[in-house]
């Protein structure tokens, strides 16, 4: 199979290219090359999709399958440009979308039939969660319209974890627990959470291209409970002196701690009205071939990745040691032996 990956130099797109090369496929990665290199064995075609007409460098090329991971404010234009050049010369097209396309973030167990955000067709200069979802909806629609539903494979990914993840959302916990001591966790033990290892998602996308699988799927793992996930991470990588200190959500909010991601945050923690975001029905994707490895495998790989980058490095998500100590002091739990409920 001749496969074009629009991307291929970082995280998911690079793992897709790596997996396809390992299976013996002819892989071309089209990217700027600024975020990394293409996997060994893949060809890197340097192009910048922000430049109008850049994708025309692929004019006349034919591919058995195309994978596009376009994201950001310019994603729709990138997708339309790629379809204009390649749609008539590709047998199968994967577009990696997101569960952010859903308008309802509260209802648990939703499927791909749930209401979507309104498509965002105009160019935006500032990204919000709603706009992000709307842009992805517009991209999905463009792919289905041009490729037809029998050649379009739309993958709405949830939280992607595993080696190479630069978001710090999942890796924060592996790194934090490996440092030991008193670690603040959200006292939301029953909150649902889903994650999918990048290696599993990439493998499924390559298999879907091989088998010409079409349709729209939520690429999510099983619905777990946050408390159980954090406990398993702690048991797998935590030091003997590790103590989990659960702090109530209201207290976290009052202290200025942000949910999910970003500076001064507790990653993966969510407000109750957004639990639906991490509790989509995983059964359809599982039935279509998405295999999910053990959480333990993902945790160990995440820690190994964190160790190569440095456990004490500045992060884009989580609490710094100073922020965590201040929170412990504020709540009167510093150096106390807590009863762990997370």
Protein backbone atom coordinates (compact mmCIF):
# COMPACT_ATOMS: atom_id res chain seq x y z
CA UNK A 1 0.00 0.00 0.00
CA UNK A 2 1.21 3.49 -0.83
CA UNK A 3 0.22 5.72 2.09
CA UNK A 4 0.37 9.49 2.40
CA UNK A 5 0.44 10.92 5.91
CA UNK A 6 -0.28 14.63 5.99
CA UNK A 7 1.96 15.14 8.98
CA UNK A 8 4.06 12.22 10.10
CA UNK A 9 6.69 13.95 12.21
CA UNK A 10 5.14 14.06 15.69
CA UNK A 11 3.01 12.00 18.07
CA UNK A 12 -0.02 10.32 16.42
CA UNK A 13 0.86 11.02 12.79
CA UNK A 14 4.44 9.87 13.34
CA UNK A 15 3.24 6.69 15.04
CA UNK A 16 0.93 6.02 12.07
CA UNK A 17 3.81 6.42 9.65
CA UNK A 18 6.06 4.25 11.84
CA UNK A 19 3.46 1.49 12.07
CA UNK A 20 2.82 1.56 8.31
CA UNK A 21 6.55 1.34 7.52
CA UNK A 22 6.89 -1.58 9.94
CA UNK A 23 4.19 -3.41 7.98
CA UNK A 24 6.10 -2.95 4.75
CA UNK A 25 4.07 -0.12 3.23
CA UNK A 26 5.45 2.70 1.07
CA UNK A 27 4.96 5.79 3.24
CA UNK A 28 5.23 9.46 2.31
CA UNK A 29 5.03 12.09 5.07
CA UNK A 30 4.15 15.62 3.96
CA UNK A 31 5.03 18.13 6.66
CA UNK A 32 7.14 21.17 7.47
CA UNK A 33 9.56 18.95 9.36
CA UNK A 34 9.86 21.46 12.19
CA UNK A 35 8.35 19.31 14.94
CA UNK A 36 10.54 16.31 14.21
CA UNK A 37 11.65 13.91 11.54
CA UNK A 38 9.74 11.27 9.64
CA UNK A 39 10.23 7.68 10.86
CA UNK A 40 13.11 5.76 9.37
CA UNK A 41 11.96 4.16 6.16
CA UNK A 42 9.42 6.86 5.32
CA UNK A 43 9.96 9.61 2.77
CA UNK A 44 9.62 13.18 4.04
CA UNK A 45 8.23 15.70 1.58
CA UNK A 46 8.76 19.13 3.11
CA UNK A 47 5.80 21.45 2.62
CA UNK A 48 4.02 24.09 4.67
CA UNK A 49 0.23 23.82 4.43
CA UNK A 50 -0.08 27.41 5.62
CA UNK A 51 1.32 28.46 2.25
CA UNK A 52 -1.47 28.63 -0.37
CA UNK A 53 -0.96 26.00 -3.02
CA UNK A 54 1.72 24.10 -1.11
CA UNK A 55 -0.11 20.78 -1.43
CA UNK A 56 0.07 21.10 -5.22
CA UNK A 57 3.54 19.63 -4.86
CA UNK A 58 1.65 16.31 -4.66
CA UNK A 59 -0.23 16.86 -7.93
CA UNK A 60 -0.20 13.77 -10.10
CA UNK A 61 0.72 11.47 -7.20
CA UNK A 62 -1.52 8.48 -6.50
CA UNK A 63 -2.02 6.89 -3.10
CA UNK A 64 -3.93 3.89 -1.89
CA UNK A 65 -4.72 5.80 1.29
CA UNK A 66 -4.34 9.25 2.82
CA UNK A 67 -4.31 10.11 6.52
CA UNK A 68 -4.90 13.72 7.55
CA UNK A 69 -4.50 14.93 11.14
CA UNK A 70 -5.14 18.62 10.35
CA UNK A 71 -5.90 20.72 13.41
CA UNK A 72 -5.84 24.37 14.41
CA UNK A 73 -7.38 27.55 13.07
CA UNK A 74 -6.35 26.79 9.49
CA UNK A 75 -7.46 23.15 9.47
CA UNK A 76 -10.45 23.53 7.15
CA UNK A 77 -8.43 25.30 4.47
CA UNK A 78 -5.72 22.65 4.76
CA UNK A 79 -8.29 19.88 4.35
CA UNK A 80 -9.99 21.51 1.38
CA UNK A 81 -6.65 22.13 -0.34
CA UNK A 82 -5.60 18.51 0.15
CA UNK A 83 -8.92 17.19 -1.14
CA UNK A 84 -8.74 19.40 -4.22
CA UNK A 85 -5.36 17.93 -5.15
CA UNK A 86 -5.66 14.33 -3.97
CA UNK A 87 -9.28 13.20 -3.61
CA UNK A 88 -9.50 11.82 -7.16
CA UNK A 89 -6.20 9.97 -6.76
CA UNK A 90 -6.75 8.22 -3.39
CA UNK A 91 -8.80 5.13 -2.65
CA UNK A 92 -9.27 5.76 1.08
CA UNK A 93 -9.13 8.85 3.29
CA UNK A 94 -8.76 8.98 7.05
CA UNK A 95 -9.51 12.20 8.85
CA UNK A 96 -8.54 12.36 12.51
CA UNK A 97 -11.21 14.39 14.27
CA UNK A 98 -12.07 14.74 17.96
CA UNK A 99 -14.84 14.13 20.49
CA UNK A 100 -14.89 17.92 20.86
CA UNK A 101 -17.25 17.90 17.87
CA UNK A 102 -20.15 16.99 20.20
CA UNK A 103 -22.41 19.79 21.40
CA UNK A 104 -23.47 17.92 24.55
CA UNK A 105 -20.62 17.51 27.03
CA UNK A 106 -22.74 16.29 29.94
CA UNK A 107 -24.53 13.13 28.78
CA UNK A 108 -22.69 9.87 29.36
CA UNK A 109 -22.59 7.04 26.82
CA UNK A 110 -23.16 9.09 23.69
CA UNK A 111 -22.54 7.62 20.25
CA UNK A 112 -21.62 9.21 16.93
CA UNK A 113 -25.32 10.01 16.38
CA UNK A 114 -25.24 12.64 19.15
CA UNK A 115 -25.77 16.32 18.22
CA UNK A 116 -22.71 18.12 16.89
CA UNK A 117 -21.37 21.63 17.18
CA UNK A 118 -22.27 23.97 14.35
CA UNK A 119 -19.61 23.79 11.63
CA UNK A 120 -17.21 26.74 11.61
CA UNK A 121 -16.58 27.73 7.99
CA UNK A 122 -14.98 31.13 8.41
CA UNK A 123 -11.36 31.71 9.30
CA UNK A 124 -10.85 32.29 13.02
CA UNK A 125 -7.92 34.00 14.69
CA UNK A 126 -8.57 32.86 18.26
CA UNK A 127 -9.31 29.26 19.19
CA UNK A 128 -11.91 28.22 21.76
CA UNK A 129 -13.17 24.74 22.60
CA UNK A 130 -16.41 25.39 20.72
CA UNK A 131 -14.62 26.73 17.66
CA UNK A 132 -12.21 23.82 17.72
CA UNK A 133 -15.11 21.40 17.63
CA UNK A 134 -16.89 23.39 14.92
CA UNK A 135 -13.79 23.50 12.71
CA UNK A 136 -13.41 19.74 13.00
CA UNK A 137 -17.10 19.27 12.09
CA UNK A 138 -16.56 21.33 8.96
CA UNK A 139 -13.47 19.26 8.09
CA UNK A 140 -15.37 16.00 8.57
CA UNK A 141 -18.17 17.21 6.31
CA UNK A 142 -15.71 18.22 3.60
CA UNK A 143 -14.02 14.79 3.63
CA UNK A 144 -17.31 12.89 3.44
CA UNK A 145 -18.66 15.14 0.69
CA UNK A 146 -15.61 14.80 -1.51
CA UNK A 147 -14.62 11.19 -0.83
CA UNK A 148 -18.08 9.72 -0.38
CA UNK A 149 -19.05 7.80 2.71
CA UNK A 150 -17.67 4.54 1.31
CA UNK A 151 -14.11 5.93 1.13
CA UNK A 152 -14.09 8.22 4.19
CA UNK A 153 -12.95 7.04 7.61
CA UNK A 154 -13.53 9.67 10.31
CA UNK A 155 -11.88 9.00 13.66
CA UNK A 156 -13.11 11.13 16.58
CA UNK A 157 -10.34 10.67 19.09
CA UNK A 158 -10.60 11.23 22.79
CA UNK A 159 -7.62 11.65 25.12
CA UNK A 160 -4.58 10.19 23.36
CA UNK A 161 -1.82 8.99 25.67
CA UNK A 162 1.41 7.02 25.51
CA UNK A 163 4.95 7.67 24.28
CA UNK A 164 5.52 10.95 22.49
CA UNK A 165 2.62 12.78 24.15
CA UNK A 166 3.59 16.41 24.69
CA UNK A 167 0.36 17.57 26.32
CA UNK A 168 1.44 16.65 29.88
CA UNK A 169 -2.12 15.61 30.73
CA UNK A 170 -1.51 11.90 31.32
CA UNK A 171 2.26 12.02 31.66
CA UNK A 172 1.99 14.51 34.51
CA UNK A 173 0.58 11.86 36.81
CA UNK A 174 3.21 9.24 35.98
CA UNK A 175 5.97 11.79 36.52
CA UNK A 176 4.41 13.26 39.67
CA UNK A 177 3.88 9.93 41.40
CA UNK A 178 7.39 8.80 40.46
CA UNK A 179 8.73 11.81 42.41
CA UNK A 180 6.96 10.64 45.57
CA UNK A 181 5.93 12.66 48.61
CA UNK A 182 2.52 14.22 49.09
CA UNK A 183 0.75 14.44 45.73
CA UNK A 184 -2.48 16.39 45.38
CA UNK A 185 -5.22 14.57 43.47
CA UNK A 186 -8.81 15.67 42.81
CA UNK A 187 -11.32 14.18 45.22
CA UNK A 188 -13.52 13.03 42.34
CA UNK A 189 -12.98 9.27 42.49
CA UNK A 190 -16.11 8.38 40.49
CA UNK A 191 -15.46 10.77 37.61
CA UNK A 192 -15.41 8.86 34.32
CA UNK A 193 -12.27 8.99 32.20
CA UNK A 194 -11.24 7.49 28.87
CA UNK A 195 -7.86 7.29 27.20
CA UNK A 196 -6.45 5.62 24.11
CA UNK A 197 -2.79 4.74 23.70
CA UNK A 198 -1.29 6.37 20.62
CA UNK A 199 0.13 3.04 19.48
CA UNK A 200 -3.29 1.38 19.53
CA UNK A 201 -4.96 4.26 17.69
CA UNK A 202 -2.22 4.38 15.05
CA UNK A 203 -2.37 0.63 14.49
CA UNK A 204 -6.14 0.78 13.98
CA UNK A 205 -5.86 3.65 11.51
CA UNK A 206 -3.30 1.74 9.42
CA UNK A 207 -5.44 -1.40 9.53
CA UNK A 208 -8.50 0.63 8.49
CA UNK A 209 -6.57 1.92 5.47
CA UNK A 210 -5.50 -1.61 4.56
CA UNK A 211 -9.06 -2.92 4.86
CA UNK A 212 -10.77 0.18 3.40
CA UNK A 213 -12.85 0.59 6.55
CA UNK A 214 -15.26 3.51 6.21
CA UNK A 215 -17.57 5.30 8.62
CA UNK A 216 -17.38 7.54 11.66
CA UNK A 217 -16.16 6.25 15.01
CA UNK A 218 -15.34 7.54 18.47
CA UNK A 219 -11.77 6.33 19.00
CA UNK A 220 -11.94 5.92 22.76
CA UNK A 221 -10.97 3.35 25.32
CA UNK A 222 -13.19 1.83 28.01
CA UNK A 223 -14.93 4.12 30.46
CA UNK A 224 -12.94 4.00 33.71
CA UNK A 225 -13.10 5.88 37.00
CA UNK A 226 -10.51 8.59 37.61
CA UNK A 227 -9.84 7.50 41.17
CA UNK A 228 -9.08 3.94 40.09
CA UNK A 229 -6.85 5.14 37.25
CA UNK A 230 -4.82 7.39 39.55
CA UNK A 231 -4.47 4.62 42.12
CA UNK A 232 -3.20 2.21 39.46
CA UNK A 233 -0.68 4.75 38.21
CA UNK A 234 0.48 5.31 41.80
CA UNK A 235 0.82 1.57 42.43
CA UNK A 236 2.79 1.07 39.23
CA UNK A 237 5.27 3.95 39.40
CA UNK A 238 4.94 5.59 42.81
CA UNK A 239 7.75 5.68 45.36
CA UNK A 240 7.38 4.12 48.84
CA UNK A 241 6.81 7.55 50.42
CA UNK A 242 4.08 8.58 47.94
CA UNK A 243 0.88 9.82 49.60
CA UNK A 244 -2.15 10.80 47.55
CA UNK A 245 -3.87 13.83 49.06
CA UNK A 246 -7.47 14.17 47.79
CA UNK A 247 -8.79 17.72 47.73
CA UNK A 248 -12.43 18.56 47.05
CA UNK A 249 -13.29 20.12 43.69
CA UNK A 250 -14.84 23.22 45.30
CA UNK A 251 -11.62 23.80 47.23
CA UNK A 252 -9.56 23.39 44.08
CA UNK A 253 -11.70 25.93 42.25
CA UNK A 254 -11.44 28.41 45.12
CA UNK A 255 -7.66 28.00 45.06
CA UNK A 256 -7.52 28.83 41.35
CA UNK A 257 -6.64 25.30 40.20
CA UNK A 258 -7.74 24.64 36.63
CA UNK A 259 -9.34 21.41 35.41
CA UNK A 260 -8.14 19.11 32.62
CA UNK A 261 -4.99 20.87 31.35
CA UNK A 262 -2.98 24.06 31.18
CA UNK A 263 -0.93 25.93 33.80
CA UNK A 264 -1.83 25.49 37.48
CA UNK A 265 -4.06 22.52 36.70
CA UNK A 266 -4.85 19.01 37.83
CA UNK A 267 -4.88 17.14 34.51
CA UNK A 268 -7.80 14.83 33.64
CA UNK A 269 -10.03 16.34 36.35
CA UNK A 270 -13.26 17.78 34.95
CA UNK A 271 -16.33 19.68 36.20
CA UNK A 272 -19.38 17.45 36.59
CA UNK A 273 -21.22 19.10 33.68
CA UNK A 274 -18.52 17.91 31.26
CA UNK A 275 -18.32 14.25 32.29
CA UNK A 276 -19.89 13.26 28.98
CA UNK A 277 -16.74 14.44 27.24
CA UNK A 278 -14.83 11.46 28.67
CA UNK A 279 -17.59 8.85 28.62
CA UNK A 280 -18.45 8.07 25.00
CA UNK A 281 -19.60 4.61 23.98
CA UNK A 282 -16.45 2.61 23.10
CA UNK A 283 -18.29 -0.45 21.74
CA UNK A 284 -18.64 0.50 18.03
CA UNK A 285 -14.92 1.18 17.57
CA UNK A 286 -14.04 -1.97 19.50
CA UNK A 287 -16.33 -4.00 17.23
CA UNK A 288 -14.65 -2.38 14.20
CA UNK A 289 -11.22 -3.58 15.30
CA UNK A 290 -9.83 -1.02 17.75
CA UNK A 291 -7.79 -3.05 20.23
CA UNK A 292 -6.83 -1.45 23.54
CA UNK A 293 -3.76 -2.42 25.54
CA UNK A 294 -3.62 -2.52 29.32
CA UNK A 295 -3.49 0.70 31.30
CA UNK A 296 -0.31 -0.60 32.93
CA UNK A 297 1.46 -0.75 29.56
CA UNK A 298 0.49 2.84 28.80
CA UNK A 299 1.57 4.03 32.24
CA UNK A 300 5.01 2.44 32.01
CA UNK A 301 5.55 3.83 28.51
CA UNK A 302 4.39 7.27 29.61
CA UNK A 303 6.84 7.24 32.53
CA UNK A 304 9.71 6.15 30.29
CA UNK A 305 8.89 9.04 27.95
CA UNK A 306 8.73 11.45 30.90
CA UNK A 307 12.09 10.24 32.19
CA UNK A 308 13.75 10.96 28.86
CA UNK A 309 12.38 14.51 28.97
CA UNK A 310 13.05 15.05 32.69
CA UNK A 311 10.63 14.57 35.57
CA UNK A 312 11.30 18.05 36.97
CA UNK A 313 11.07 19.98 33.68
CA UNK A 314 8.65 22.89 33.17
CA UNK A 315 5.29 21.59 31.98
CA UNK A 316 2.34 22.82 29.97
CA UNK A 317 -0.10 21.12 32.37
CA UNK A 318 -0.14 20.24 36.05
CA UNK A 319 1.07 21.83 39.26
CA UNK A 320 4.61 22.97 39.89
CA UNK A 321 6.14 21.80 43.20
CA UNK A 322 5.67 25.33 44.57
CA UNK A 323 2.01 25.45 43.52
CA UNK A 324 1.36 22.04 45.03
CA UNK A 325 3.01 22.96 48.33
CA UNK A 326 1.03 26.20 48.51
CA UNK A 327 -2.19 24.24 47.94
CA UNK A 328 -1.29 21.74 50.65
CA UNK A 329 -0.54 24.58 53.06
CA UNK A 330 -3.78 26.35 52.16
CA UNK A 331 -5.84 23.24 52.86
CA UNK A 332 -3.96 22.29 56.02
CA UNK A 333 -2.87 18.93 54.66
CA UNK A 334 0.87 19.53 54.34
CA UNK A 335 2.86 16.72 55.98
CA UNK A 336 -0.29 15.04 57.28
CA UNK A 337 -0.97 11.40 56.52
CA UNK A 338 -4.17 11.58 54.47
CA UNK A 339 -6.82 8.97 53.95
CA UNK A 340 -6.68 8.36 50.22
CA UNK A 341 -10.09 8.42 48.52
CA UNK A 342 -8.94 9.24 45.00
